[in-house]
């Protein structure tokens, strides 16, 4: 089996990353045929969730038609997903700014 390809959704684009470090404020796409996994952090924004679903359909599935897309939320990762990374997967606090402007809390 080949190594999975991990994409971080940054400003509406798929950005390939090397490490399986998932921030709870972000959304990631993991290409690991026969599945494409969309991992949603519990503090990720609606625009990141939308971008992950849209980009998985429009870009990744074109080249990997045999893949099934699975969406998972932080804290509900199935063993099949965790096994892709073994001990190298990490979950951390934080996020990268999204496309949308969010009102500042006072």
PDB file of N, CA and C in Angstrom:
ATOM      1  N   UNK A   1       0.841  -1.177   0.000  1.00  0.00           N
ATOM      2  CA  UNK A   1       0.000   0.000   0.000  1.00  0.00           C
ATOM      3  C   UNK A   1       0.886   1.240   0.000  1.00  0.00           C
ATOM      4  N   UNK A   2       0.518   2.242  -0.786  1.00  0.00           N
ATOM      5  CA  UNK A   2       1.321   3.460  -0.843  1.00  0.00           C
ATOM      6  C   UNK A   2       0.998   4.366   0.348  1.00  0.00           C
ATOM      7  N   UNK A   3       1.880   5.325   0.553  1.00  0.00           N
ATOM      8  CA  UNK A   3       1.696   6.282   1.639  1.00  0.00           C
ATOM      9  C   UNK A   3       0.478   7.164   1.352  1.00  0.00           C
ATOM     10  N   UNK A   4      -0.276   7.522   2.394  1.00  0.00           N
ATOM     11  CA  UNK A   4      -1.400   8.429   2.167  1.00  0.00           C
ATOM     12  C   UNK A   4      -0.898   9.829   1.824  1.00  0.00           C
ATOM     13  N   UNK A   5      -1.705  10.567   1.107  1.00  0.00           N
ATOM     14  CA  UNK A   5      -1.402  11.971   0.822  1.00  0.00           C
ATOM     15  C   UNK A   5      -2.357  12.798   1.666  1.00  0.00           C
ATOM     16  N   UNK A   6      -1.799  13.702   2.468  1.00  0.00           N
ATOM     17  CA  UNK A   6      -2.599  14.519   3.379  1.00  0.00           C
ATOM     18  C   UNK A   6      -2.659  15.938   2.831  1.00  0.00           C
ATOM     19  N   UNK A   7      -3.879  16.450   2.740  1.00  0.00           N
ATOM     20  CA  UNK A   7      -4.090  17.823   2.297  1.00  0.00           C
ATOM     21  C   UNK A   7      -4.743  18.614   3.428  1.00  0.00           C
ATOM     22  N   UNK A   8      -4.249  19.805   3.641  1.00  0.00           N
ATOM     23  CA  UNK A   8      -4.829  20.741   4.597  1.00  0.00           C
ATOM     24  C   UNK A   8      -5.644  21.728   3.774  1.00  0.00           C
ATOM     25  N   UNK A   9      -6.847  22.041   4.200  1.00  0.00           N
ATOM     26  CA  UNK A   9      -7.655  23.035   3.502  1.00  0.00           C
ATOM     27  C   UNK A   9      -7.219  24.407   4.009  1.00  0.00           C
ATOM     28  N   UNK A  10      -6.581  25.182   3.137  1.00  0.00           N
ATOM     29  CA  UNK A  10      -6.123  26.523   3.504  1.00  0.00           C
ATOM     30  C   UNK A  10      -6.661  27.507   2.470  1.00  0.00           C
ATOM     31  N   UNK A  11      -7.479  28.431   2.944  1.00  0.00           N
ATOM     32  CA  UNK A  11      -8.077  29.466   2.081  1.00  0.00           C
ATOM     33  C   UNK A  11      -8.720  28.870   0.833  1.00  0.00           C
ATOM     34  N   UNK A  12      -9.452  27.776   1.036  1.00  0.00           N
ATOM     35  CA  UNK A  12     -10.208  27.172  -0.047  1.00  0.00           C
ATOM     36  C   UNK A  12      -9.420  26.316  -1.008  1.00  0.00           C
ATOM     37  N   UNK A  13      -8.192  25.978  -0.653  1.00  0.00           N
ATOM     38  CA  UNK A  13      -7.343  25.170  -1.543  1.00  0.00           C
ATOM     39  C   UNK A  13      -6.811  23.937  -0.808  1.00  0.00           C
ATOM     40  N   UNK A  14      -6.522  22.897  -1.593  1.00  0.00           N
ATOM     41  CA  UNK A  14      -5.868  21.704  -1.056  1.00  0.00           C
ATOM     42  C   UNK A  14      -4.369  21.965  -1.021  1.00  0.00           C
ATOM     43  N   UNK A  15      -3.786  21.948   0.165  1.00  0.00           N
ATOM     44  CA  UNK A  15      -2.351  22.168   0.323  1.00  0.00           C
ATOM     45  C   UNK A  15      -1.756  20.898   0.927  1.00  0.00           C
ATOM     46  N   UNK A  16      -0.888  20.239   0.171  1.00  0.00           N
ATOM     47  CA  UNK A  16      -0.304  18.986   0.650  1.00  0.00           C
ATOM     48  C   UNK A  16       0.621  19.252   1.830  1.00  0.00           C
ATOM     49  N   UNK A  17       0.494  18.414   2.861  1.00  0.00           N
ATOM     50  CA  UNK A  17       1.371  18.490   4.029  1.00  0.00           C
ATOM     51  C   UNK A  17       2.016  17.130   4.239  1.00  0.00           C
ATOM     52  N   UNK A  18       3.096  17.106   4.989  1.00  0.00           N
ATOM     53  CA  UNK A  18       3.851  15.859   5.165  1.00  0.00           C
ATOM     54  C   UNK A  18       3.507  15.101   6.440  1.00  0.00           C
ATOM     55  N   UNK A  19       3.128  15.822   7.491  1.00  0.00           N
ATOM     56  CA  UNK A  19       2.910  15.175   8.786  1.00  0.00           C
ATOM     57  C   UNK A  19       1.429  15.042   9.099  1.00  0.00           C
ATOM     58  N   UNK A  20       1.092  13.976   9.801  1.00  0.00           N
ATOM     59  CA  UNK A  20      -0.291  13.740  10.212  1.00  0.00           C
ATOM     60  C   UNK A  20      -0.554  14.448  11.535  1.00  0.00           C
ATOM     61  N   UNK A  21      -0.506  15.787  11.480  1.00  0.00           N
ATOM     62  CA  UNK A  21      -0.810  16.605  12.651  1.00  0.00           C
ATOM     63  C   UNK A  21      -2.077  17.376  12.305  1.00  0.00           C
ATOM     64  N   UNK A  22      -3.159  17.047  12.984  1.00  0.00           N
ATOM     65  CA  UNK A  22      -4.467  17.594  12.680  1.00  0.00           C
ATOM     66  C   UNK A  22      -4.872  18.592  13.761  1.00  0.00           C
ATOM     67  N   UNK A  23      -5.084  19.853  13.371  1.00  0.00           N
ATOM     68  CA  UNK A  23      -5.491  20.903  14.306  1.00  0.00           C
ATOM     69  C   UNK A  23      -7.012  20.944  14.402  1.00  0.00           C
ATOM     70  N   UNK A  24      -7.523  21.108  15.612  1.00  0.00           N
ATOM     71  CA  UNK A  24      -8.966  21.017  15.816  1.00  0.00           C
ATOM     72  C   UNK A  24      -9.760  22.146  15.163  1.00  0.00           C
ATOM     73  N   UNK A  25      -9.105  23.219  14.750  1.00  0.00           N
ATOM     74  CA  UNK A  25      -9.795  24.314  14.082  1.00  0.00           C
ATOM     75  C   UNK A  25      -9.744  24.219  12.571  1.00  0.00           C
ATOM     76  N   UNK A  26      -9.281  23.103  12.049  1.00  0.00           N
ATOM     77  CA  UNK A  26      -9.083  22.967  10.609  1.00  0.00           C
ATOM     78  C   UNK A  26      -9.746  21.709  10.060  1.00  0.00           C
ATOM     79  N   UNK A  27      -9.697  21.596   8.728  1.00  0.00           N
ATOM     80  CA  UNK A  27     -10.245  20.444   8.018  1.00  0.00           C
ATOM     81  C   UNK A  27      -9.168  19.901   7.085  1.00  0.00           C
ATOM     82  N   UNK A  28      -9.101  18.578   6.972  1.00  0.00           N
ATOM     83  CA  UNK A  28      -8.066  17.918   6.179  1.00  0.00           C
ATOM     84  C   UNK A  28      -8.706  16.878   5.274  1.00  0.00           C
ATOM     85  N   UNK A  29      -8.026  16.602   4.170  1.00  0.00           N
ATOM     86  CA  UNK A  29      -8.443  15.539   3.259  1.00  0.00           C
ATOM     87  C   UNK A  29      -7.277  14.571   3.148  1.00  0.00           C
ATOM     88  N   UNK A  30      -7.566  13.288   3.332  1.00  0.00           N
ATOM     89  CA  UNK A  30      -6.535  12.257   3.257  1.00  0.00           C
ATOM     90  C   UNK A  30      -6.878  11.330   2.094  1.00  0.00           C
ATOM     91  N   UNK A  31      -5.990  11.309   1.116  1.00  0.00           N
ATOM     92  CA  UNK A  31      -6.150  10.422  -0.034  1.00  0.00           C
ATOM     93  C   UNK A  31      -5.423   9.124   0.277  1.00  0.00           C
ATOM     94  N   UNK A  32      -6.197   8.066   0.455  1.00  0.00           N
ATOM     95  CA  UNK A  32      -5.644   6.753   0.768  1.00  0.00           C
ATOM     96  C   UNK A  32      -6.526   5.701   0.080  1.00  0.00           C
ATOM     97  N   UNK A  33      -6.372   5.565  -1.261  1.00  0.00           N
ATOM     98  CA  UNK A  33      -7.233   4.659  -2.014  1.00  0.00           C
ATOM     99  C   UNK A  33      -7.325   3.282  -1.355  1.00  0.00           C
ATOM    100  N   UNK A  34      -8.518   2.754  -1.281  1.00  0.00           N
ATOM    101  CA  UNK A  34      -9.723   3.100  -2.030  1.00  0.00           C
ATOM    102  C   UNK A  34     -10.626   4.132  -1.348  1.00  0.00           C
ATOM    103  N   UNK A  35     -10.097   4.898  -0.397  1.00  0.00           N
ATOM    104  CA  UNK A  35     -10.922   5.905   0.268  1.00  0.00           C
ATOM    105  C   UNK A  35     -10.266   7.278   0.226  1.00  0.00           C
ATOM    106  N   UNK A  36     -11.128   8.284   0.232  1.00  0.00           N
ATOM    107  CA  UNK A  36     -10.725   9.666   0.469  1.00  0.00           C
ATOM    108  C   UNK A  36     -11.419  10.050   1.770  1.00  0.00           C
ATOM    109  N   UNK A  37     -10.629  10.398   2.765  1.00  0.00           N
ATOM    110  CA  UNK A  37     -11.155  10.749   4.079  1.00  0.00           C
ATOM    111  C   UNK A  37     -11.187  12.264   4.229  1.00  0.00           C
ATOM    112  N   UNK A  38     -12.298  12.795   4.711  1.00  0.00           N
ATOM    113  CA  UNK A  38     -12.389  14.208   5.075  1.00  0.00           C
ATOM    114  C   UNK A  38     -12.476  14.246   6.592  1.00  0.00           C
ATOM    115  N   UNK A  39     -11.439  14.817   7.226  1.00  0.00           N
ATOM    116  CA  UNK A  39     -11.393  14.917   8.694  1.00  0.00           C
ATOM    117  C   UNK A  39     -11.760  16.341   9.078  1.00  0.00           C
ATOM    118  N   UNK A  40     -12.775  16.476   9.924  1.00  0.00           N
ATOM    119  CA  UNK A  40     -13.273  17.786  10.325  1.00  0.00           C
ATOM    120  C   UNK A  40     -12.974  18.010  11.802  1.00  0.00           C
ATOM    121  N   UNK A  41     -12.140  19.017  12.079  1.00  0.00           N
ATOM    122  CA  UNK A  41     -11.854  19.379  13.460  1.00  0.00           C
ATOM    123  C   UNK A  41     -13.093  19.966  14.118  1.00  0.00           C
ATOM    124  N   UNK A  42     -13.215  19.781  15.446  1.00  0.00           N
ATOM    125  CA  UNK A  42     -14.434  20.220  16.121  1.00  0.00           C
ATOM    126  C   UNK A  42     -14.597  21.737  16.183  1.00  0.00           C
ATOM    127  N   UNK A  43     -13.587  22.482  15.771  1.00  0.00           N
ATOM    128  CA  UNK A  43     -13.699  23.943  15.719  1.00  0.00           C
ATOM    129  C   UNK A  43     -13.484  24.474  14.299  1.00  0.00           C
ATOM    130  N   UNK A  44     -13.569  23.604  13.303  1.00  0.00           N
ATOM    131  CA  UNK A  44     -13.354  24.060  11.921  1.00  0.00           C
ATOM    132  C   UNK A  44     -14.560  24.870  11.448  1.00  0.00           C
ATOM    133  N   UNK A  45     -14.320  25.716  10.458  1.00  0.00           N
ATOM    134  CA  UNK A  45     -15.364  26.618   9.979  1.00  0.00           C
ATOM    135  C   UNK A  45     -16.180  25.981   8.858  1.00  0.00           C
ATOM    136  N   UNK A  46     -17.338  26.559   8.627  1.00  0.00           N
ATOM    137  CA  UNK A  46     -18.225  26.055   7.578  1.00  0.00           C
ATOM    138  C   UNK A  46     -17.554  26.131   6.211  1.00  0.00           C
ATOM    139  N   UNK A  47     -16.805  27.205   5.958  1.00  0.00           N
ATOM    140  CA  UNK A  47     -16.170  27.325   4.640  1.00  0.00           C
ATOM    141  C   UNK A  47     -15.110  26.256   4.428  1.00  0.00           C
ATOM    142  N   UNK A  48     -14.410  25.858   5.481  1.00  0.00           N
ATOM    143  CA  UNK A  48     -13.415  24.784   5.349  1.00  0.00           C
ATOM    144  C   UNK A  48     -14.099  23.449   5.077  1.00  0.00           C
ATOM    145  N   UNK A  49     -15.192  23.195   5.772  1.00  0.00           N
ATOM    146  CA  UNK A  49     -15.936  21.948   5.565  1.00  0.00           C
ATOM    147  C   UNK A  49     -16.456  21.872   4.124  1.00  0.00           C
ATOM    148  N   UNK A  50     -17.023  22.990   3.667  1.00  0.00           N
ATOM    149  CA  UNK A  50     -17.540  23.042   2.298  1.00  0.00           C
ATOM    150  C   UNK A  50     -16.416  22.834   1.289  1.00  0.00           C
ATOM    151  N   UNK A  51     -15.292  23.535   1.487  1.00  0.00           N
ATOM    152  CA  UNK A  51     -14.164  23.427   0.551  1.00  0.00           C
ATOM    153  C   UNK A  51     -13.650  21.994   0.488  1.00  0.00           C
ATOM    154  N   UNK A  52     -13.560  21.327   1.628  1.00  0.00           N
ATOM    155  CA  UNK A  52     -13.076  19.943   1.648  1.00  0.00           C
ATOM    156  C   UNK A  52     -13.990  19.039   0.829  1.00  0.00           C
ATOM    157  N   UNK A  53     -15.289  19.170   1.025  1.00  0.00           N
ATOM    158  CA  UNK A  53     -16.236  18.337   0.284  1.00  0.00           C
ATOM    159  C   UNK A  53     -16.191  18.657  -1.208  1.00  0.00           C
ATOM    160  N   UNK A  54     -16.183  19.939  -1.534  1.00  0.00           N
ATOM    161  CA  UNK A  54     -16.193  20.363  -2.935  1.00  0.00           C
ATOM    162  C   UNK A  54     -14.906  19.958  -3.647  1.00  0.00           C
ATOM    163  N   UNK A  55     -13.762  20.201  -3.013  1.00  0.00           N
ATOM    164  CA  UNK A  55     -12.482  19.873  -3.647  1.00  0.00           C
ATOM    165  C   UNK A  55     -12.283  18.364  -3.778  1.00  0.00           C
ATOM    166  N   UNK A  56     -12.765  17.608  -2.809  1.00  0.00           N
ATOM    167  CA  UNK A  56     -12.669  16.147  -2.907  1.00  0.00           C
ATOM    168  C   UNK A  56     -13.435  15.658  -4.125  1.00  0.00           C
ATOM    169  N   UNK A  57     -14.616  16.227  -4.327  1.00  0.00           N
ATOM    170  CA  UNK A  57     -15.445  15.839  -5.473  1.00  0.00           C
ATOM    171  C   UNK A  57     -14.875  16.341  -6.794  1.00  0.00           C
ATOM    172  N   UNK A  58     -14.444  17.594  -6.833  1.00  0.00           N
ATOM    173  CA  UNK A  58     -14.062  18.190  -8.113  1.00  0.00           C
ATOM    174  C   UNK A  58     -12.632  17.880  -8.545  1.00  0.00           C
ATOM    175  N   UNK A  59     -11.725  17.717  -7.601  1.00  0.00           N
ATOM    176  CA  UNK A  59     -10.322  17.511  -7.970  1.00  0.00           C
ATOM    177  C   UNK A  59      -9.844  16.078  -7.751  1.00  0.00           C
ATOM    178  N   UNK A  60     -10.028  15.550  -6.562  1.00  0.00           N
ATOM    179  CA  UNK A  60      -9.452  14.236  -6.254  1.00  0.00           C
ATOM    180  C   UNK A  60     -10.203  13.088  -6.910  1.00  0.00           C
ATOM    181  N   UNK A  61     -11.523  13.158  -6.906  1.00  0.00           N
ATOM    182  CA  UNK A  61     -12.287  12.028  -7.429  1.00  0.00           C
ATOM    183  C   UNK A  61     -12.106  11.889  -8.943  1.00  0.00           C
ATOM    184  N   UNK A  62     -11.731  12.962  -9.630  1.00  0.00           N
ATOM    185  CA  UNK A  62     -11.461  12.884 -11.075  1.00  0.00           C
ATOM    186  C   UNK A  62     -10.361  11.878 -11.370  1.00  0.00           C
ATOM    187  N   UNK A  63      -9.317  11.913 -10.571  1.00  0.00           N
ATOM    188  CA  UNK A  63      -8.175  11.024 -10.791  1.00  0.00           C
ATOM    189  C   UNK A  63      -8.317   9.689 -10.068  1.00  0.00           C
ATOM    190  N   UNK A  64      -9.195   9.630  -9.103  1.00  0.00           N
ATOM    191  CA  UNK A  64      -9.339   8.428  -8.274  1.00  0.00           C
ATOM    192  C   UNK A  64     -10.814   8.032  -8.214  1.00  0.00           C
ATOM    193  N   UNK A  65     -11.367   7.731  -9.363  1.00  0.00           N
ATOM    194  CA  UNK A  65     -12.798   7.425  -9.467  1.00  0.00           C
ATOM    195  C   UNK A  65     -13.219   6.225  -8.614  1.00  0.00           C
ATOM    196  N   UNK A  66     -12.271   5.352  -8.330  1.00  0.00           N
ATOM    197  CA  UNK A  66     -12.611   4.156  -7.561  1.00  0.00           C
ATOM    198  C   UNK A  66     -12.776   4.450  -6.077  1.00  0.00           C
ATOM    199  N   UNK A  67     -12.417   5.648  -5.660  1.00  0.00           N
ATOM    200  CA  UNK A  67     -12.427   5.980  -4.233  1.00  0.00           C
ATOM    201  C   UNK A  67     -13.820   6.328  -3.719  1.00  0.00           C
ATOM    202  N   UNK A  68     -14.036   5.924  -2.485  1.00  0.00           N
ATOM    203  CA  UNK A  68     -15.239   6.286  -1.742  1.00  0.00           C
ATOM    204  C   UNK A  68     -14.847   7.430  -0.809  1.00  0.00           C
ATOM    205  N   UNK A  69     -15.697   8.448  -0.707  1.00  0.00           N
ATOM    206  CA  UNK A  69     -15.404   9.577   0.179  1.00  0.00           C
ATOM    207  C   UNK A  69     -16.101   9.342   1.514  1.00  0.00           C
ATOM    208  N   UNK A  70     -15.320   9.428   2.593  1.00  0.00           N
ATOM    209  CA  UNK A  70     -15.831   9.254   3.954  1.00  0.00           C
ATOM    210  C   UNK A  70     -15.543  10.518   4.742  1.00  0.00           C
ATOM    211  N   UNK A  71     -16.531  11.032   5.438  1.00  0.00           N
ATOM    212  CA  UNK A  71     -16.357  12.209   6.281  1.00  0.00           C
ATOM    213  C   UNK A  71     -16.391  11.775   7.740  1.00  0.00           C
ATOM    214  N   UNK A  72     -15.407  12.275   8.502  1.00  0.00           N
ATOM    215  CA  UNK A  72     -15.352  11.943   9.925  1.00  0.00           C
ATOM    216  C   UNK A  72     -15.120  13.210  10.732  1.00  0.00           C
ATOM    217  N   UNK A  73     -15.709  13.244  11.901  1.00  0.00           N
ATOM    218  CA  UNK A  73     -15.539  14.380  12.794  1.00  0.00           C
ATOM    219  C   UNK A  73     -14.553  14.021  13.895  1.00  0.00           C
ATOM    220  N   UNK A  74     -13.826  15.040  14.339  1.00  0.00           N
ATOM    221  CA  UNK A  74     -12.837  14.842  15.392  1.00  0.00           C
ATOM    222  C   UNK A  74     -13.480  14.143  16.587  1.00  0.00           C
ATOM    223  N   UNK A  75     -12.780  13.154  17.095  1.00  0.00           N
ATOM    224  CA  UNK A  75     -13.266  12.387  18.233  1.00  0.00           C
ATOM    225  C   UNK A  75     -14.026  11.139  17.833  1.00  0.00           C
ATOM    226  N   UNK A  76     -14.401  11.032  16.554  1.00  0.00           N
ATOM    227  CA  UNK A  76     -15.141   9.872  16.051  1.00  0.00           C
ATOM    228  C   UNK A  76     -14.376   9.141  14.959  1.00  0.00           C
ATOM    229  N   UNK A  77     -13.042   9.169  15.050  1.00  0.00           N
ATOM    230  CA  UNK A  77     -12.207   8.537  14.032  1.00  0.00           C
ATOM    231  C   UNK A  77     -12.311   7.014  14.139  1.00  0.00           C
ATOM    232  N   UNK A  78     -12.690   6.353  13.048  1.00  0.00           N
ATOM    233  CA  UNK A  78     -12.730   4.890  13.083  1.00  0.00           C
ATOM    234  C   UNK A  78     -11.312   4.314  13.082  1.00  0.00           C
ATOM    235  N   UNK A  79     -11.188   3.100  13.555  1.00  0.00           N
ATOM    236  CA  UNK A  79      -9.881   2.428  13.601  1.00  0.00           C
ATOM    237  C   UNK A  79      -9.249   2.377  12.214  1.00  0.00           C
ATOM    238  N   UNK A  80     -10.059   2.189  11.187  1.00  0.00           N
ATOM    239  CA  UNK A  80      -9.537   2.123   9.815  1.00  0.00           C
ATOM    240  C   UNK A  80      -8.783   3.403   9.443  1.00  0.00           C
ATOM    241  N   UNK A  81      -9.289   4.552   9.889  1.00  0.00           N
ATOM    242  CA  UNK A  81      -8.621   5.831   9.628  1.00  0.00           C
ATOM    243  C   UNK A  81      -7.353   5.947  10.470  1.00  0.00           C
ATOM    244  N   UNK A  82      -7.433   5.674  11.750  1.00  0.00           N
ATOM    245  CA  UNK A  82      -6.272   5.790  12.641  1.00  0.00           C
ATOM    246  C   UNK A  82      -5.150   4.848  12.227  1.00  0.00           C
ATOM    247  N   UNK A  83      -5.504   3.671  11.740  1.00  0.00           N
ATOM    248  CA  UNK A  83      -4.498   2.684  11.328  1.00  0.00           C
ATOM    249  C   UNK A  83      -3.661   3.147  10.138  1.00  0.00           C
ATOM    250  N   UNK A  84      -4.181   4.090   9.360  1.00  0.00           N
ATOM    251  CA  UNK A  84      -3.424   4.621   8.219  1.00  0.00           C
ATOM    252  C   UNK A  84      -2.109   5.217   8.698  1.00  0.00           C
ATOM    253  N   UNK A  85      -2.140   5.853   9.862  1.00  0.00           N
ATOM    254  CA  UNK A  85      -0.999   6.617  10.363  1.00  0.00           C
ATOM    255  C   UNK A  85      -0.224   5.939  11.482  1.00  0.00           C
ATOM    256  N   UNK A  86      -0.794   4.921  12.102  1.00  0.00           N
ATOM    257  CA  UNK A  86      -0.118   4.280  13.229  1.00  0.00           C
ATOM    258  C   UNK A  86       0.081   5.275  14.361  1.00  0.00           C
ATOM    259  N   UNK A  87       1.280   5.288  14.916  1.00  0.00           N
ATOM    260  CA  UNK A  87       1.579   6.179  16.041  1.00  0.00           C
ATOM    261  C   UNK A  87       1.930   7.597  15.610  1.00  0.00           C
ATOM    262  N   UNK A  88       1.985   7.870  14.317  1.00  0.00           N
ATOM    263  CA  UNK A  88       2.441   9.190  13.865  1.00  0.00           C
ATOM    264  C   UNK A  88       1.339  10.253  13.858  1.00  0.00           C
ATOM    265  N   UNK A  89       0.080   9.875  14.060  1.00  0.00           N
ATOM    266  CA  UNK A  89      -1.001  10.860  14.024  1.00  0.00           C
ATOM    267  C   UNK A  89      -1.063  11.629  15.340  1.00  0.00           C
ATOM    268  N   UNK A  90      -1.284  12.949  15.215  1.00  0.00           N
ATOM    269  CA  UNK A  90      -1.392  13.800  16.398  1.00  0.00           C
ATOM    270  C   UNK A  90      -2.562  14.757  16.193  1.00  0.00           C
ATOM    271  N   UNK A  91      -3.252  15.047  17.287  1.00  0.00           N
ATOM    272  CA  UNK A  91      -4.348  16.003  17.277  1.00  0.00           C
ATOM    273  C   UNK A  91      -3.959  17.156  18.187  1.00  0.00           C
ATOM    274  N   UNK A  92      -4.038  18.385  17.669  1.00  0.00           N
ATOM    275  CA  UNK A  92      -3.585  19.555  18.420  1.00  0.00           C
ATOM    276  C   UNK A  92      -4.644  20.658  18.382  1.00  0.00           C
ATOM    277  N   UNK A  93      -4.499  21.626  19.280  1.00  0.00           N
ATOM    278  CA  UNK A  93      -5.345  22.821  19.298  1.00  0.00           C
ATOM    279  C   UNK A  93      -4.838  23.798  18.254  1.00  0.00           C
ATOM    280  N   UNK A  94      -5.736  24.547  17.632  1.00  0.00           N
ATOM    281  CA  UNK A  94      -5.315  25.603  16.726  1.00  0.00           C
ATOM    282  C   UNK A  94      -6.031  25.562  15.400  1.00  0.00           C
ATOM    283  N   UNK A  95      -5.698  26.569  14.556  1.00  0.00           N
ATOM    284  CA  UNK A  95      -6.263  26.629  13.216  1.00  0.00           C
ATOM    285  C   UNK A  95      -5.496  27.617  12.360  1.00  0.00           C
ATOM    286  N   UNK A  96      -5.775  27.547  11.064  1.00  0.00           N
ATOM    287  CA  UNK A  96      -5.256  28.502  10.096  1.00  0.00           C
ATOM    288  C   UNK A  96      -6.460  29.340   9.681  1.00  0.00           C
ATOM    289  N   UNK A  97      -6.276  30.627   9.502  1.00  0.00           N
ATOM    290  CA  UNK A  97      -7.402  31.503   9.165  1.00  0.00           C
ATOM    291  C   UNK A  97      -8.133  31.028   7.920  1.00  0.00           C
ATOM    292  N   UNK A  98      -9.445  31.180   7.947  1.00  0.00           N
ATOM    293  CA  UNK A  98     -10.278  30.720   6.843  1.00  0.00           C
ATOM    294  C   UNK A  98     -10.494  31.820   5.810  1.00  0.00           C
ATOM    295  N   UNK A  99     -11.236  31.475   4.768  1.00  0.00           N
ATOM    296  CA  UNK A  99     -11.559  32.422   3.702  1.00  0.00           C
ATOM    297  C   UNK A  99     -12.505  33.522   4.163  1.00  0.00           C
ATOM    298  N   UNK A 100     -13.456  33.154   5.004  1.00  0.00           N
ATOM    299  CA  UNK A 100     -14.472  34.104   5.432  1.00  0.00           C
ATOM    300  C   UNK A 100     -13.955  35.007   6.534  1.00  0.00           C
ATOM    301  N   UNK A 101     -14.473  36.209   6.567  1.00  0.00           N
ATOM    302  CA  UNK A 101     -14.145  37.113   7.669  1.00  0.00           C
ATOM    303  C   UNK A 101     -15.124  36.810   8.788  1.00  0.00           C
ATOM    304  N   UNK A 102     -14.608  36.627   9.963  1.00  0.00           N
ATOM    305  CA  UNK A 102     -15.448  36.317  11.110  1.00  0.00           C
ATOM    306  C   UNK A 102     -15.483  37.519  12.039  1.00  0.00           C
ATOM    307  N   UNK A 103     -16.655  37.843  12.569  1.00  0.00           N
ATOM    308  CA  UNK A 103     -16.729  38.996  13.463  1.00  0.00           C
ATOM    309  C   UNK A 103     -15.894  38.755  14.712  1.00  0.00           C
ATOM    310  N   UNK A 104     -15.265  39.820  15.180  1.00  0.00           N
ATOM    311  CA  UNK A 104     -14.463  39.701  16.397  1.00  0.00           C
ATOM    312  C   UNK A 104     -15.397  39.663  17.595  1.00  0.00           C
ATOM    313  N   UNK A 105     -15.057  38.796  18.518  1.00  0.00           N
ATOM    314  CA  UNK A 105     -15.845  38.721  19.741  1.00  0.00           C
ATOM    315  C   UNK A 105     -15.377  39.805  20.680  1.00  0.00           C
ATOM    316  N   UNK A 106     -16.338  40.424  21.355  1.00  0.00           N
ATOM    317  CA  UNK A 106     -15.973  41.495  22.285  1.00  0.00           C
ATOM    318  C   UNK A 106     -16.107  41.031  23.701  1.00  0.00           C
TER     319      UNK A 106
END
